[in-house]
Protein backbone atom coordinates (compact mmCIF):
# COMPACT_ATOMS: atom_id res chain seq x y z
CA CYS A 1 -6.55 2.54 -17.89
CA ARG A 2 -2.78 1.58 -17.62
CA ARG A 3 -1.44 5.37 -17.39
CA GLY A 4 -2.82 7.84 -14.89
CA VAL A 5 -3.24 11.83 -14.89
CA LEU A 6 -2.47 11.67 -12.08
CA LEU A 7 -0.88 9.47 -6.10
CA GLY A 8 -2.63 1.34 11.82
CA ALA A 9 -6.26 0.42 10.83
CA LEU A 10 -9.37 -0.18 12.64
CA ALA A 11 -12.74 -1.63 11.66
CA LEU A 12 -15.10 0.35 9.19
CA GLY A 13 -17.03 3.09 10.78
CA SER A 14 -14.11 3.37 13.52
CA PRO A 15 -12.26 6.54 14.00
CA LEU A 16 -8.79 6.59 12.78
CA ALA A 17 -5.52 7.76 14.27
CA ALA A 18 -4.15 10.26 12.49
CA PRO A 19 -0.57 9.23 11.19
CA ALA A 20 2.53 11.28 12.24
CA ALA A 21 2.19 14.93 10.60
CA SER A 22 4.11 15.04 7.11
CA GLN A 23 4.60 17.70 4.74
CA ALA A 24 1.96 18.46 2.11
CA MET A 25 2.83 17.19 -1.38
CA VAL A 26 4.26 19.59 -3.73
CA PHE A 27 3.66 20.07 -7.66
CA ASP A 28 5.13 21.95 -10.32
CA TRP A 29 2.14 23.77 -11.90
CA ALA A 30 2.09 25.12 -15.13
CA PHE A 31 -0.61 28.06 -15.40
CA VAL A 32 -2.78 27.92 -18.32
CA GLY A 33 -4.74 31.12 -19.52
CA ASP A 34 -6.01 32.83 -22.34
CA PRO A 35 -9.68 32.04 -21.61
CA MET A 36 -11.85 31.90 -24.83
CA ASN A 37 -8.70 31.32 -26.89
CA PRO A 38 -10.00 30.10 -30.63
CA PRO A 39 -9.52 26.32 -30.89
CA ASP A 40 -6.98 24.19 -32.94
CA PRO A 41 -8.23 24.33 -36.51
CA SER A 42 -6.55 21.21 -37.07
CA HIS A 43 -8.81 19.03 -35.14
CA SER A 44 -12.49 19.25 -35.60
CA THR A 45 -13.72 18.16 -32.24
CA CYS A 46 -12.70 16.87 -28.90
CA GLY A 47 -14.29 15.96 -25.40
CA PRO A 48 -16.35 13.02 -24.12
CA LEU A 49 -19.23 13.83 -26.38
CA LEU A 50 -16.83 14.99 -29.43
CA ALA A 51 -18.81 18.39 -29.18
CA ASP A 52 -16.12 20.62 -27.72
CA PRO A 53 -13.48 22.57 -29.72
CA CYS A 54 -9.79 21.09 -29.12
CA GLY A 55 -7.65 23.36 -27.47
CA GLN A 56 -10.16 26.00 -26.18
CA VAL A 57 -9.81 26.99 -22.90
CA ALA A 58 -12.92 28.39 -21.12
CA HIS A 59 -11.34 29.59 -17.68
CA LEU A 60 -7.77 29.91 -16.29
CA PHE A 61 -6.48 26.94 -14.42
CA GLN A 62 -3.24 25.23 -13.45
CA ILE A 63 -2.14 21.60 -14.23
CA SER A 64 0.73 19.67 -12.90
CA ARG A 65 3.79 19.49 -15.25
CA PHE A 66 4.43 16.03 -14.21
CA GLU A 67 2.42 13.00 -13.88
CA VAL A 68 1.59 11.90 -10.28
CA THR A 69 4.14 9.57 -8.87
CA ASN A 70 3.83 5.92 -7.01
CA GLN A 71 5.05 7.93 -4.07
CA GLN A 72 2.63 10.43 -3.95
CA TYR A 73 -0.05 7.77 -4.81
CA VAL A 74 1.01 5.79 -2.13
CA LYS A 75 0.66 8.66 0.35
CA PHE A 76 -3.18 9.07 -0.82
CA LEU A 77 -3.71 5.11 -0.41
CA GLN A 78 -2.37 5.16 3.14
CA SER A 79 -4.36 8.32 3.85
CA VAL A 80 -7.84 6.99 2.88
CA ALA A 81 -8.05 3.61 1.57
CA ARG A 82 -7.33 1.19 4.72
CA ASP A 83 -11.09 -0.11 3.55
CA ASP A 84 -10.59 1.03 -0.20
CA LEU A 85 -14.42 1.18 -0.71
CA HIS A 86 -14.07 3.14 -4.32
CA GLY A 87 -11.24 1.25 -5.44
CA LEU A 88 -8.46 3.23 -5.52
CA TYR A 89 -6.06 0.62 -5.66
CA HIS A 90 -6.07 -1.57 -8.66
CA PRO A 91 -4.60 -4.92 -8.41
CA GLY A 92 -2.28 -4.24 -11.79
CA MET A 93 -0.50 -1.68 -9.51
CA GLY A 94 1.15 -4.65 -7.75
CA ALA A 95 1.10 -7.19 -10.42
CA SER A 96 2.50 -5.77 -13.33
CA PRO A 97 6.09 -6.21 -13.64
CA LEU A 98 7.05 -3.47 -15.60
CA PHE A 99 4.38 -0.90 -15.08
CA GLY A 100 2.85 -1.18 -11.49
CA GLY A 101 4.67 -0.10 -8.58
CA ILE A 102 2.79 -0.26 -5.48
CA LEU A 103 2.00 -3.43 -3.35
CA ARG A 104 -1.01 -3.85 -1.01
CA THR A 105 -1.13 -6.01 2.12
CA GLY A 106 -3.92 -6.65 4.51
CA ALA A 107 -7.55 -6.99 4.27
CA PRO A 108 -10.24 -4.65 4.06
CA GLY A 109 -10.25 -2.15 7.15
CA SER A 110 -6.24 -3.06 7.49
CA TYR A 111 -4.79 -2.36 3.95
CA SER A 112 -1.39 -0.95 3.98
CA TYR A 113 0.39 0.38 0.68
CA SER A 114 4.20 0.32 -0.07
CA LEU A 115 6.46 0.95 -3.07
CA LYS A 116 7.96 -1.72 -5.03
CA PRO A 117 11.91 -0.84 -4.99
CA GLY A 118 12.74 1.53 -7.76
CA PHE A 119 9.13 2.90 -8.83
CA ALA A 120 8.79 5.71 -6.21
CA GLU A 121 9.31 8.11 -8.55
CA LYS A 122 7.75 6.47 -11.86
CA PRO A 123 4.13 7.41 -12.73
CA VAL A 124 1.55 5.98 -11.13
CA VAL A 125 -0.54 3.58 -13.45
CA PHE A 126 -3.91 1.59 -13.66
CA VAL A 127 -5.79 4.74 -12.03
CA SER A 128 -9.33 5.39 -13.35
CA PHE A 129 -10.77 8.70 -14.05
CA TRP A 130 -12.84 8.31 -10.95
CA SER A 131 -9.85 7.72 -8.73
CA ALA A 132 -8.03 10.60 -10.21
CA VAL A 133 -11.00 12.67 -9.40
CA ARG A 134 -10.94 11.13 -5.78
CA PHE A 135 -7.11 12.03 -5.64
CA THR A 136 -7.96 15.72 -6.85
CA ASN A 137 -10.60 15.96 -4.22
CA TRP A 138 -8.16 14.77 -1.47
CA LEU A 139 -5.46 17.19 -2.37
CA HIS A 140 -7.94 20.22 -2.48
CA ASN A 141 -9.43 18.91 1.03
CA GLY A 142 -5.93 19.44 2.20
CA GLU A 143 -4.68 15.54 1.91
CA PRO A 144 -7.15 14.63 5.19
CA TYR A 145 -6.42 11.19 6.88
CA GLY A 146 -9.56 9.21 7.49
CA PRO A 147 -12.24 7.04 5.57
CA GLN A 148 -13.37 8.01 1.95
CA GLY A 149 -16.27 10.44 1.92
CA SER A 150 -16.94 14.22 1.18
CA ALA A 151 -14.34 15.21 3.96
CA THR A 152 -11.67 13.43 2.45
CA THR A 153 -12.30 12.18 -1.15
């Protein structure tokens, strides 16, 4: 997927030293309310199984008004993807001259991530659905530092 929702190394299994304290990410949230509002009559069905009515909201929630930036995603990668066991980084993030914005250096266990010049505030791209879910879990867990697992992603 080209567009996303959406963001020292030690040997595998070794404890990781926490980076210097940094501020939590800030998002501009939009509140989505009106549970059980009627679906959009101009569309018959939506959703992964094409059985869900389009536009109907089952519960209250918040969503970011803006896409996740490369800078935010780099913070995520630096926090949990030294090994990148779940493929949170896609090679297109660094290889695409027009769309990517994140570079990866090193080898498994010591990956490091940086921003391509001029791409910090652009939306992160090449993020899969599952990587976006892991990013969201990481935010929910308080942006922890360490290997990917139930406590981080």
